[in-house]
């Protein structure tokens, strides 16, 4: 039961990442984004995966928990990459305007 609750928490928390990614792609802007927050969340997901590994949670029993952690980590990492791309674009535009 605790595995299902953990997956539910991860799904609820990760629900916003596809929308965040879409916004980053659509707006091509870093406005409203916090790089520190993105790094903190990504590190938190990695620590969640590490906690499962440290507890010797077998892949077979916990595969769906691992999958949700990995999916969320990938979405946050993608959003971080877009942050860096968009920030470089904003800096280039500011230099061109100056």
C-alpha atoms as a PDB file:
ATOM      1  CA  UNK A   1       0.000   0.000   0.000  1.00  0.00           C
ATOM      2  CA  UNK A   2       2.820   2.431   0.814  1.00  0.00           C
ATOM      3  CA  UNK A   3       4.225   1.970  -2.711  1.00  0.00           C
ATOM      4  CA  UNK A   4       0.910   3.039  -4.220  1.00  0.00           C
ATOM      5  CA  UNK A   5       0.712   6.046  -1.940  1.00  0.00           C
ATOM      6  CA  UNK A   6       4.241   7.063  -2.901  1.00  0.00           C
ATOM      7  CA  UNK A   7       3.405   6.739  -6.595  1.00  0.00           C
ATOM      8  CA  UNK A   8       0.247   8.791  -6.016  1.00  0.00           C
ATOM      9  CA  UNK A   9       2.290  11.528  -4.343  1.00  0.00           C
ATOM     10  CA  UNK A  10       4.814  11.501  -7.179  1.00  0.00           C
ATOM     11  CA  UNK A  11       2.092  11.631  -9.823  1.00  0.00           C
ATOM     12  CA  UNK A  12       0.357  14.527  -8.113  1.00  0.00           C
ATOM     13  CA  UNK A  13       3.612  16.405  -7.671  1.00  0.00           C
ATOM     14  CA  UNK A  14       4.772  15.615 -11.202  1.00  0.00           C
ATOM     15  CA  UNK A  15       1.452  16.559 -12.786  1.00  0.00           C
ATOM     16  CA  UNK A  16       2.578  20.151 -13.355  1.00  0.00           C
ATOM     17  CA  UNK A  17       5.857  19.383 -15.151  1.00  0.00           C
ATOM     18  CA  UNK A  18       4.384  18.775 -18.626  1.00  0.00           C
ATOM     19  CA  UNK A  19       2.598  22.130 -18.372  1.00  0.00           C
ATOM     20  CA  UNK A  20       5.813  23.810 -17.203  1.00  0.00           C
ATOM     21  CA  UNK A  21       7.703  22.325 -20.142  1.00  0.00           C
ATOM     22  CA  UNK A  22       5.034  23.438 -22.599  1.00  0.00           C
ATOM     23  CA  UNK A  23       5.146  26.969 -21.172  1.00  0.00           C
ATOM     24  CA  UNK A  24       8.944  27.091 -21.447  1.00  0.00           C
ATOM     25  CA  UNK A  25       8.776  25.970 -25.070  1.00  0.00           C
ATOM     26  CA  UNK A  26       5.908  28.306 -25.965  1.00  0.00           C
ATOM     27  CA  UNK A  27       7.138  31.476 -24.259  1.00  0.00           C
ATOM     28  CA  UNK A  28      10.886  30.970 -24.765  1.00  0.00           C
ATOM     29  CA  UNK A  29      11.320  32.858 -21.510  1.00  0.00           C
ATOM     30  CA  UNK A  30      12.806  32.298 -18.064  1.00  0.00           C
ATOM     31  CA  UNK A  31      10.302  34.625 -16.407  1.00  0.00           C
ATOM     32  CA  UNK A  32       8.638  32.967 -13.455  1.00  0.00           C
ATOM     33  CA  UNK A  33      11.259  30.221 -13.318  1.00  0.00           C
ATOM     34  CA  UNK A  34      13.633  29.594 -10.442  1.00  0.00           C
ATOM     35  CA  UNK A  35      16.766  27.691 -11.323  1.00  0.00           C
ATOM     36  CA  UNK A  36      17.436  26.993  -7.639  1.00  0.00           C
ATOM     37  CA  UNK A  37      13.971  25.462  -7.311  1.00  0.00           C
ATOM     38  CA  UNK A  38      14.459  23.297 -10.411  1.00  0.00           C
ATOM     39  CA  UNK A  39      17.801  22.031  -9.125  1.00  0.00           C
ATOM     40  CA  UNK A  40      16.342  21.358  -5.663  1.00  0.00           C
ATOM     41  CA  UNK A  41      13.448  19.348  -7.097  1.00  0.00           C
ATOM     42  CA  UNK A  42      15.726  17.396  -9.427  1.00  0.00           C
ATOM     43  CA  UNK A  43      18.108  16.575  -6.587  1.00  0.00           C
ATOM     44  CA  UNK A  44      15.107  15.565  -4.462  1.00  0.00           C
ATOM     45  CA  UNK A  45      13.947  13.106  -7.111  1.00  0.00           C
ATOM     46  CA  UNK A  46      17.461  11.681  -7.413  1.00  0.00           C
ATOM     47  CA  UNK A  47      17.591  11.280  -3.637  1.00  0.00           C
ATOM     48  CA  UNK A  48      14.239   9.482  -3.778  1.00  0.00           C
ATOM     49  CA  UNK A  49      15.678   7.028  -6.286  1.00  0.00           C
ATOM     50  CA  UNK A  50      18.798   6.655  -4.127  1.00  0.00           C
ATOM     51  CA  UNK A  51      16.654   5.931  -1.069  1.00  0.00           C
ATOM     52  CA  UNK A  52      14.960   3.074  -2.895  1.00  0.00           C
ATOM     53  CA  UNK A  53      18.324   1.696  -3.982  1.00  0.00           C
ATOM     54  CA  UNK A  54      19.766   2.076  -0.454  1.00  0.00           C
ATOM     55  CA  UNK A  55      16.771   0.204   0.964  1.00  0.00           C
ATOM     56  CA  UNK A  56      17.492  -2.570  -1.555  1.00  0.00           C
ATOM     57  CA  UNK A  57      14.045  -2.132  -3.068  1.00  0.00           C
ATOM     58  CA  UNK A  58      14.045  -4.631  -5.937  1.00  0.00           C
ATOM     59  CA  UNK A  59      13.235  -3.299  -9.412  1.00  0.00           C
ATOM     60  CA  UNK A  60      10.613  -6.008  -9.942  1.00  0.00           C
ATOM     61  CA  UNK A  61       8.530  -5.029  -6.931  1.00  0.00           C
ATOM     62  CA  UNK A  62       9.059  -1.285  -7.184  1.00  0.00           C
ATOM     63  CA  UNK A  63       9.366  -0.803 -10.950  1.00  0.00           C
ATOM     64  CA  UNK A  64       6.427   1.629 -11.121  1.00  0.00           C
ATOM     65  CA  UNK A  65       7.833   3.734  -8.268  1.00  0.00           C
ATOM     66  CA  UNK A  66      11.210   3.885 -10.012  1.00  0.00           C
ATOM     67  CA  UNK A  67       9.532   4.718 -13.326  1.00  0.00           C
ATOM     68  CA  UNK A  68       7.616   7.663 -11.889  1.00  0.00           C
ATOM     69  CA  UNK A  69      10.748   8.990 -10.150  1.00  0.00           C
ATOM     70  CA  UNK A  70      12.673   8.669 -13.427  1.00  0.00           C
ATOM     71  CA  UNK A  71       9.902  10.284 -15.484  1.00  0.00           C
ATOM     72  CA  UNK A  72       9.649  13.242 -13.096  1.00  0.00           C
ATOM     73  CA  UNK A  73      13.440  13.606 -13.013  1.00  0.00           C
ATOM     74  CA  UNK A  74      13.577  13.664 -16.810  1.00  0.00           C
ATOM     75  CA  UNK A  75      10.844  16.304 -17.044  1.00  0.00           C
ATOM     76  CA  UNK A  76      12.550  18.568 -14.491  1.00  0.00           C
ATOM     77  CA  UNK A  77      15.904  18.087 -16.210  1.00  0.00           C
ATOM     78  CA  UNK A  78      14.334  18.980 -19.552  1.00  0.00           C
ATOM     79  CA  UNK A  79      12.843  22.124 -18.001  1.00  0.00           C
ATOM     80  CA  UNK A  80      16.291  23.038 -16.617  1.00  0.00           C
ATOM     81  CA  UNK A  81      17.833  22.584 -20.061  1.00  0.00           C
ATOM     82  CA  UNK A  82      15.153  24.829 -21.541  1.00  0.00           C
ATOM     83  CA  UNK A  83      15.896  27.371 -18.819  1.00  0.00           C
ATOM     84  CA  UNK A  84      19.545  27.544 -19.894  1.00  0.00           C
ATOM     85  CA  UNK A  85      18.607  27.735 -23.597  1.00  0.00           C
ATOM     86  CA  UNK A  86      16.021  30.451 -22.970  1.00  0.00           C
ATOM     87  CA  UNK A  87      18.375  32.408 -20.723  1.00  0.00           C
ATOM     88  CA  UNK A  88      21.054  32.369 -23.441  1.00  0.00           C
ATOM     89  CA  UNK A  89      18.449  33.545 -25.947  1.00  0.00           C
ATOM     90  CA  UNK A  90      17.370  36.375 -23.630  1.00  0.00           C
ATOM     91  CA  UNK A  91      20.980  37.482 -23.064  1.00  0.00           C
ATOM     92  CA  UNK A  92      21.661  37.467 -26.801  1.00  0.00           C
ATOM     93  CA  UNK A  93      18.538  39.548 -27.452  1.00  0.00           C
ATOM     94  CA  UNK A  94      19.541  42.014 -24.694  1.00  0.00           C
ATOM     95  CA  UNK A  95      23.015  42.388 -26.199  1.00  0.00           C
ATOM     96  CA  UNK A  96      21.559  42.959 -29.660  1.00  0.00           C
ATOM     97  CA  UNK A  97      19.209  45.605 -28.273  1.00  0.00           C
ATOM     98  CA  UNK A  98      22.046  47.422 -26.493  1.00  0.00           C
END
